[in-house]
Protein backbone atom coordinates (compact mmCIF):
# COMPACT_ATOMS: atom_id res chain seq x y z
CA UNK A 1 9.07 20.43 10.09
CA UNK A 2 9.04 17.12 8.25
CA UNK A 3 12.13 16.27 6.23
CA UNK A 4 12.78 13.22 4.10
CA UNK A 5 15.87 11.25 5.15
CA UNK A 6 18.79 11.28 2.74
CA UNK A 7 19.46 8.18 0.64
CA UNK A 8 22.96 6.78 1.20
CA UNK A 9 24.23 5.21 -2.01
CA UNK A 10 26.70 2.32 -1.72
CA UNK A 11 30.35 3.28 -2.14
CA UNK A 12 31.01 1.47 -5.39
CA UNK A 13 34.71 2.41 -5.26
CA UNK A 14 35.26 -0.16 -2.51
CA UNK A 15 36.94 -3.44 -3.48
CA UNK A 16 33.77 -5.31 -2.52
CA UNK A 17 32.21 -3.79 -5.62
CA UNK A 18 35.14 -3.19 -7.97
CA UNK A 19 36.34 -6.79 -7.69
CA UNK A 20 32.87 -8.31 -7.91
CA UNK A 21 31.97 -10.20 -11.11
CA UNK A 22 29.15 -9.24 -13.40
CA UNK A 23 25.87 -10.83 -12.44
CA UNK A 24 25.02 -14.00 -14.35
CA UNK A 25 22.13 -13.45 -16.75
CA UNK A 26 20.43 -16.60 -18.02
CA UNK A 27 17.47 -16.86 -20.39
CA UNK A 28 14.12 -18.00 -19.10
CA UNK A 29 13.44 -21.55 -20.40
CA UNK A 30 9.68 -21.03 -20.85
CA UNK A 31 6.99 -18.46 -20.18
CA UNK A 32 6.23 -17.96 -16.45
CA UNK A 33 9.40 -19.71 -15.21
CA UNK A 34 12.89 -18.51 -14.32
CA UNK A 35 16.19 -20.41 -14.68
CA UNK A 36 17.26 -22.51 -11.70
CA UNK A 37 19.05 -20.49 -9.06
CA UNK A 38 17.19 -17.28 -9.99
CA UNK A 39 17.48 -14.29 -7.69
CA UNK A 40 14.29 -13.23 -5.87
CA UNK A 41 13.89 -9.56 -5.01
CA UNK A 42 13.26 -8.10 -1.55
CA UNK A 43 11.72 -4.84 -0.30
CA UNK A 44 15.14 -3.12 -0.33
CA UNK A 45 17.09 -1.33 -3.09
CA UNK A 46 19.02 -3.92 -5.10
CA UNK A 47 21.93 -3.37 -7.48
CA UNK A 48 23.07 -5.67 -10.29
CA UNK A 49 26.48 -5.44 -11.98
CA UNK A 50 26.18 -5.57 -15.76
CA UNK A 51 29.15 -4.84 -18.05
CA UNK A 52 31.05 -3.46 -15.06
CA UNK A 53 28.31 -1.01 -14.06
CA UNK A 54 26.05 -1.31 -11.00
CA UNK A 55 22.38 -0.86 -12.00
CA UNK A 56 19.59 -0.19 -9.50
CA UNK A 57 16.26 -1.95 -9.95
CA UNK A 58 14.24 1.25 -9.82
CA UNK A 59 10.73 -0.20 -9.67
CA UNK A 60 10.78 -3.19 -7.33
CA UNK A 61 8.58 -5.49 -5.26
CA UNK A 62 9.38 -8.52 -3.14
CA UNK A 63 9.25 -12.15 -4.35
CA UNK A 64 9.75 -11.27 -8.01
CA UNK A 65 12.63 -11.73 -10.45
CA UNK A 66 15.06 -9.18 -11.98
CA UNK A 67 15.05 -9.08 -15.77
CA UNK A 68 17.76 -7.26 -17.76
CA UNK A 69 16.32 -5.53 -20.80
CA UNK A 70 17.31 -2.48 -22.86
CA UNK A 71 20.10 -1.53 -20.46
CA UNK A 72 17.90 -1.56 -17.34
CA UNK A 73 16.83 -3.96 -14.60
CA UNK A 74 13.08 -4.61 -14.50
CA UNK A 75 11.38 -6.49 -11.67
CA UNK A 76 8.63 -8.81 -12.87
CA UNK A 77 6.18 -11.28 -11.41
CA UNK A 78 6.59 -14.88 -12.49
CA UNK A 79 3.37 -14.72 -14.51
CA UNK A 80 4.90 -11.91 -16.59
CA UNK A 81 8.14 -13.72 -17.46
CA UNK A 82 8.54 -14.52 -21.16
CA UNK A 83 10.69 -17.28 -22.65
CA UNK A 84 14.16 -15.89 -23.36
CA UNK A 85 14.02 -13.06 -20.80
CA UNK A 86 17.50 -12.51 -19.33
CA UNK A 87 17.13 -13.15 -15.61
CA UNK A 88 19.66 -12.48 -12.84
CA UNK A 89 20.93 -15.68 -11.23
CA UNK A 90 22.53 -15.80 -7.78
CA UNK A 91 21.45 -15.93 -4.15
CA UNK A 92 24.16 -14.11 -2.25
CA UNK A 93 23.42 -10.45 -1.58
CA UNK A 94 26.89 -9.07 -0.72
CA UNK A 95 28.06 -8.27 -4.28
CA UNK A 96 30.05 -11.53 -4.55
CA UNK A 97 27.77 -12.71 -7.39
CA UNK A 98 27.21 -9.27 -8.89
CA UNK A 99 24.10 -8.71 -6.75
CA UNK A 100 23.97 -6.28 -3.83
CA UNK A 101 20.98 -5.79 -1.49
CA UNK A 102 21.27 -2.37 0.13
CA UNK A 103 19.28 -2.73 3.37
CA UNK A 104 20.62 0.14 5.50
CA UNK A 105 20.10 2.83 2.90
CA UNK A 106 18.53 5.88 4.55
CA UNK A 107 19.99 8.35 7.02
CA UNK A 108 18.72 7.77 10.54
CA UNK A 109 18.55 10.06 13.53
CA UNK A 110 21.02 9.23 16.28
CA UNK A 111 19.57 6.54 18.49
CA UNK A 112 19.50 7.00 22.27
CA UNK A 113 22.17 4.67 23.55
CA UNK A 114 22.11 5.89 27.14
CA UNK A 115 20.38 2.75 28.38
CA UNK A 116 20.99 -0.87 27.45
CA UNK A 117 17.57 -1.82 28.83
CA UNK A 118 14.25 0.02 28.65
CA UNK A 119 10.55 -0.72 28.92
CA UNK A 120 7.77 -0.42 26.31
CA UNK A 121 9.78 -0.84 23.12
CA UNK A 122 7.13 -2.87 21.27
CA UNK A 123 4.01 -1.57 19.49
CA UNK A 124 0.98 -2.61 21.53
CA UNK A 125 -2.34 -1.43 22.97
CA UNK A 126 -0.30 0.07 25.83
CA UNK A 127 1.77 2.17 23.45
CA UNK A 128 1.11 5.90 23.29
CA UNK A 129 0.69 6.91 19.64
CA UNK A 130 0.59 10.71 20.02
CA UNK A 131 4.07 11.03 18.53
CA UNK A 132 3.10 8.77 15.60
CA UNK A 133 0.07 10.95 14.89
CA UNK A 134 2.20 14.13 14.90
CA UNK A 135 4.69 12.55 12.51
CA UNK A 136 1.85 11.39 10.27
CA UNK A 137 0.28 14.87 10.14
CA UNK A 138 3.64 16.30 9.02
CA UNK A 139 4.19 13.50 6.53
CA UNK A 140 0.78 13.91 4.90
CA UNK A 141 1.22 17.67 4.61
CA UNK A 142 4.63 17.09 3.02
CA UNK A 143 3.19 14.59 0.54
CA UNK A 144 0.37 16.92 -0.47
CA UNK A 145 2.69 19.93 -0.90
CA UNK A 146 5.45 18.06 -2.74
CA UNK A 147 3.64 15.85 -5.22
CA UNK A 148 3.56 12.66 -3.16
CA UNK A 149 1.17 9.83 -3.89
CA UNK A 150 -0.88 8.69 -0.86
CA UNK A 151 -2.55 5.30 -1.18
CA UNK A 152 -5.20 4.17 1.32
CA UNK A 153 -6.11 0.50 1.84
CA UNK A 154 -9.47 0.19 3.59
CA UNK A 155 -11.65 -2.51 5.11
CA UNK A 156 -15.44 -2.30 5.49
CA UNK A 157 -15.23 -1.17 9.14
CA UNK A 158 -14.13 2.22 7.81
CA UNK A 159 -17.69 2.76 6.53
CA UNK A 160 -19.65 1.74 9.64
CA UNK A 161 -19.66 5.17 11.31
CA UNK A 162 -21.09 8.40 9.89
CA UNK A 163 -18.37 10.64 11.31
CA UNK A 164 -15.58 8.39 10.00
CA UNK A 165 -17.14 8.48 6.53
CA UNK A 166 -17.33 12.28 6.70
CA UNK A 167 -13.72 12.52 7.87
CA UNK A 168 -12.41 10.41 5.02
CA UNK A 169 -14.46 12.40 2.53
CA UNK A 170 -12.73 15.56 3.83
CA UNK A 171 -9.35 13.87 3.40
CA UNK A 172 -10.28 13.17 -0.24
CA UNK A 173 -11.61 16.68 -0.85
CA UNK A 174 -8.46 18.27 0.62
CA UNK A 175 -5.97 16.31 -1.49
CA UNK A 176 -4.76 13.73 1.05
CA UNK A 177 -5.97 10.73 -0.98
CA UNK A 178 -4.50 9.83 -4.37
CA UNK A 179 -5.90 6.30 -4.63
CA UNK A 180 -8.14 3.97 -2.62
CA UNK A 181 -7.69 0.19 -2.57
CA UNK A 182 -10.44 -1.96 -1.07
CA UNK A 183 -12.79 -4.86 -1.60
CA UNK A 184 -16.42 -5.24 -2.54
CA UNK A 185 -17.54 -4.84 1.09
CA UNK A 186 -16.08 -1.39 1.75
CA UNK A 187 -17.82 0.10 -1.29
CA UNK A 188 -21.06 -1.80 -0.66
CA UNK A 189 -21.47 -0.71 2.96
CA UNK A 190 -20.30 2.84 2.33
CA UNK A 191 -22.82 3.23 -0.49
CA UNK A 192 -25.44 1.52 1.67
CA UNK A 193 -24.77 4.30 4.19
CA UNK A 194 -25.46 6.99 1.61
CA UNK A 195 -28.46 5.15 0.17
CA UNK A 196 -30.24 3.78 3.25
CA UNK A 197 -28.37 5.28 6.21
CA UNK A 198 -27.06 1.91 7.38
CA UNK A 199 -24.00 -0.32 7.12
CA UNK A 200 -24.84 -4.01 7.29
CA UNK A 201 -28.27 -2.93 8.47
CA UNK A 202 -26.97 -0.88 11.43
CA UNK A 203 -27.72 2.85 11.54
CA UNK A 204 -24.44 4.67 10.82
CA UNK A 205 -25.37 7.46 13.27
CA UNK A 206 -26.87 5.55 16.22
CA UNK A 207 -25.51 2.01 15.60
CA UNK A 208 -29.06 0.71 16.12
CA UNK A 209 -30.28 -2.12 13.86
CA UNK A 210 -32.98 -1.35 11.29
CA UNK A 211 -35.91 -3.69 10.85
CA UNK A 212 -35.05 -6.12 8.04
CA UNK A 213 -31.70 -4.33 7.91
CA UNK A 214 -29.96 -7.51 6.75
CA UNK A 215 -31.53 -6.80 3.35
CA UNK A 216 -30.03 -3.34 3.06
CA UNK A 217 -26.63 -4.20 1.63
CA UNK A 218 -28.26 -6.61 -0.84
CA UNK A 219 -30.78 -3.97 -1.90
CA UNK A 220 -27.87 -1.57 -2.39
CA UNK A 221 -25.92 -4.03 -4.56
CA UNK A 222 -29.05 -4.82 -6.54
CA UNK A 223 -29.79 -1.16 -7.16
CA UNK A 224 -26.21 -0.38 -8.22
CA UNK A 225 -26.16 -3.37 -10.56
CA UNK A 226 -29.47 -2.25 -12.04
CA UNK A 227 -27.90 1.10 -12.96
CA UNK A 228 -24.76 -0.68 -14.21
CA UNK A 229 -22.14 1.43 -12.45
CA UNK A 230 -21.37 3.13 -9.16
CA UNK A 231 -21.16 6.68 -10.65
CA UNK A 232 -24.59 6.34 -12.30
CA UNK A 233 -26.08 4.97 -9.05
CA UNK A 234 -24.66 7.97 -7.16
CA UNK A 235 -26.11 10.37 -9.71
CA UNK A 236 -29.54 8.77 -10.12
CA UNK A 237 -30.12 8.11 -6.41
CA UNK A 238 -28.73 11.51 -5.37
CA UNK A 239 -26.10 10.08 -3.03
CA UNK A 240 -24.42 13.06 -1.37
CA UNK A 241 -21.96 11.69 1.17
CA UNK A 242 -19.48 8.95 1.96
CA UNK A 243 -16.12 7.55 0.95
CA UNK A 244 -16.91 6.37 -2.58
CA UNK A 245 -19.02 9.43 -3.33
CA UNK A 246 -16.03 11.63 -2.44
CA UNK A 247 -13.74 9.60 -4.70
CA UNK A 248 -16.14 9.80 -7.65
CA UNK A 249 -16.78 13.50 -7.13
CA UNK A 250 -13.07 14.33 -6.89
CA UNK A 251 -11.85 11.92 -9.60
CA UNK A 252 -9.81 9.87 -7.14
CA UNK A 253 -9.29 6.32 -8.49
CA UNK A 254 -10.57 3.41 -6.42
CA UNK A 255 -9.65 -0.22 -6.99
CA UNK A 256 -12.09 -2.85 -5.72
CA UNK A 257 -10.91 -6.46 -5.67
CA UNK A 258 -13.26 -9.38 -5.30
CA UNK A 259 -13.03 -12.36 -2.97
CA UNK A 260 -14.60 -15.77 -2.88
CA UNK A 261 -17.12 -14.65 -0.24
CA UNK A 262 -18.45 -11.54 -2.01
CA UNK A 263 -22.13 -10.72 -2.35
CA UNK A 264 -22.98 -9.33 -5.76
CA UNK A 265 -20.38 -8.09 -6.52
CA UNK A 266 -20.59 -4.45 -7.58
CA UNK A 267 -19.96 -3.68 -11.29
CA UNK A 268 -16.51 -2.09 -10.71
CA UNK A 269 -15.14 -5.02 -8.68
CA UNK A 270 -12.28 -6.92 -10.32
CA UNK A 271 -13.34 -10.56 -10.45
CA UNK A 272 -10.03 -11.81 -11.85
CA UNK A 273 -7.37 -11.86 -9.12
CA UNK A 274 -4.39 -10.97 -11.30
CA UNK A 275 -6.13 -8.17 -13.16
CA UNK A 276 -6.91 -6.70 -9.77
CA UNK A 277 -3.36 -7.23 -8.56
CA UNK A 278 -1.93 -5.51 -11.64
CA UNK A 279 -4.26 -2.56 -11.07
CA UNK A 280 -3.20 -2.32 -7.42
CA UNK A 281 0.43 -2.38 -8.50
CA UNK A 282 -0.16 0.44 -10.97
CA UNK A 283 -0.87 2.64 -7.93
CA UNK A 284 1.73 1.08 -5.64
CA UNK A 285 4.36 1.92 -8.30
CA UNK A 286 3.62 5.59 -7.63
CA UNK A 287 3.00 5.38 -3.88
CA UNK A 288 5.10 7.39 -1.45
CA UNK A 289 2.90 6.74 1.60
CA UNK A 290 0.51 3.82 2.15
CA UNK A 291 -2.02 3.64 4.99
CA UNK A 292 -3.87 0.37 5.58
CA UNK A 293 -6.90 0.41 7.86
CA UNK A 294 -8.86 -2.51 9.32
CA UNK A 295 -8.08 -5.01 6.59
CA UNK A 296 -5.27 -7.46 7.24
CA UNK A 297 -5.29 -9.37 3.95
CA UNK A 298 -5.64 -6.36 1.63
CA UNK A 299 -2.95 -4.49 3.54
CA UNK A 300 -0.55 -7.44 3.50
CA UNK A 301 -1.18 -7.89 -0.24
CA UNK A 302 -0.39 -4.22 -0.82
CA UNK A 303 2.59 -4.35 1.53
CA UNK A 304 4.12 -7.26 -0.33
CA UNK A 305 3.99 -5.17 -3.51
CA UNK A 306 5.49 -2.08 -1.88
CA UNK A 307 9.27 -1.58 -1.66
CA UNK A 308 10.92 0.57 1.00
CA UNK A 309 11.99 3.15 -1.59
CA UNK A 310 10.81 5.10 -4.58
CA UNK A 311 12.91 6.58 -7.39
CA UNK A 312 11.40 9.94 -8.33
CA UNK A 313 11.40 11.43 -11.82
CA UNK A 314 14.42 13.62 -11.01
CA UNK A 315 16.39 10.55 -9.89
CA UNK A 316 16.00 11.24 -6.16
CA UNK A 317 15.57 8.11 -4.05
CA UNK A 318 13.22 8.47 -1.08
CA UNK A 319 11.58 6.11 1.43
CA UNK A 320 8.02 4.82 1.09
CA UNK A 321 6.14 5.17 4.38
CA UNK A 322 3.70 2.43 5.39
CA UNK A 323 1.16 2.46 8.22
CA UNK A 324 -1.16 -0.30 9.41
CA UNK A 325 -4.10 0.74 11.63
CA UNK A 326 -6.10 -1.92 13.47
CA UNK A 327 -7.59 -2.69 16.88
CA UNK A 328 -5.58 -5.91 16.99
CA UNK A 329 -1.89 -5.82 17.92
CA UNK A 330 -1.47 -8.95 15.83
CA UNK A 331 -2.90 -7.25 12.74
CA UNK A 332 -1.02 -3.99 13.26
CA UNK A 333 2.30 -5.84 13.54
CA UNK A 334 1.61 -8.56 10.98
CA UNK A 335 3.31 -6.85 8.05
CA UNK A 336 6.64 -7.06 9.83
CA UNK A 337 6.28 -10.83 9.87
CA UNK A 338 5.58 -10.91 6.14
CA UNK A 339 8.68 -8.97 5.06
CA UNK A 340 7.36 -5.42 4.99
CA UNK A 341 9.83 -4.27 7.62
CA UNK A 342 9.26 -0.58 7.05
CA UNK A 343 5.62 -0.74 8.19
CA UNK A 344 4.56 1.04 11.38
CA UNK A 345 1.56 -0.21 13.37
CA UNK A 346 -0.99 1.97 15.18
CA UNK A 347 -3.31 0.05 17.50
CA UNK A 348 -6.71 1.80 17.54
CA UNK A 349 -10.09 1.58 15.86
CA UNK A 350 -10.31 3.21 12.46
CA UNK A 351 -13.18 5.51 13.42
CA UNK A 352 -11.07 7.19 16.13
CA UNK A 353 -8.03 7.19 13.84
CA UNK A 354 -9.81 9.05 11.06
CA UNK A 355 -11.36 11.54 13.48
CA UNK A 356 -7.97 12.27 15.06
CA UNK A 357 -6.36 12.58 11.63
CA UNK A 358 -8.88 15.14 10.43
CA UNK A 359 -8.54 17.19 13.61
CA UNK A 360 -4.74 17.05 13.43
CA UNK A 361 -4.78 18.22 9.82
CA UNK A 362 -7.26 20.99 10.64
CA UNK A 363 -10.04 19.61 8.41
């Protein structure tokens, strides 16, 4: 049975903390800029000593700045800094400047120390992932039963196969999806599948190309834009399957962010980068598990906004779980290189992953 690890709070009675000074708080000189020597946040829980009391930044993300306001520490992007904001200054993380980064913060199972050397410790195409799947089944059931918030980050490959589309729709219908983050392409090709039976002109059942199939995604975009919205297109064209259809039908929010290479784009796509980023963060703020599939850049973007922990409404602090699924070892392990150290990679194609997930969850 899945069980969340216990959060281990720092022992603030130790001299390291009692003798530490209050953190320096300096006003921002102008909008969108911090004072020199500002502290930049990480993915870990961070505490700041103010008036002798250690305050946790409850809602964090990496590469941002801590702002003290109304008795709390808020973590804000540079673009959201206002002139006069009181910002924590200091770059040591051991409490000596009133800042403490709490990296080893969750209870861990006893590690096997019987051998000083062993094979197959990395995550690669030779790794067996059966244990990871079993853990993920238990985690997703726990999240569904205990009010978790499961965020999926998906690339267009997730829509290229009919069975994969059906599997994800079942995940949505059965409460395993709380938000979907993607780009223009995922929605376009998924809706193309429901509209014309193809994705990028390839039959989603047989993988055979259709004649003039290279027009299909453009015809889909054109038709959706003619109706003015994805929900109206689904209704008017009687679309009855797929990823986006399931989200619309079950009132699951989806966030589509544009890129410089987009065709169209679809009406719901955010064309302004920072509006899209803020909308992503509105879901990441609630996320307890994030699963990125077949999209390196979108997953890294989401990972950089996702801390290792979440403070629940009752004050409980729990870990945020993060998975990256891709056929490339490089992609599956990339988040670790970008600072998202809590991410776990699974090297497989997303069609097989979704099929296995549905079977494991009994859907």
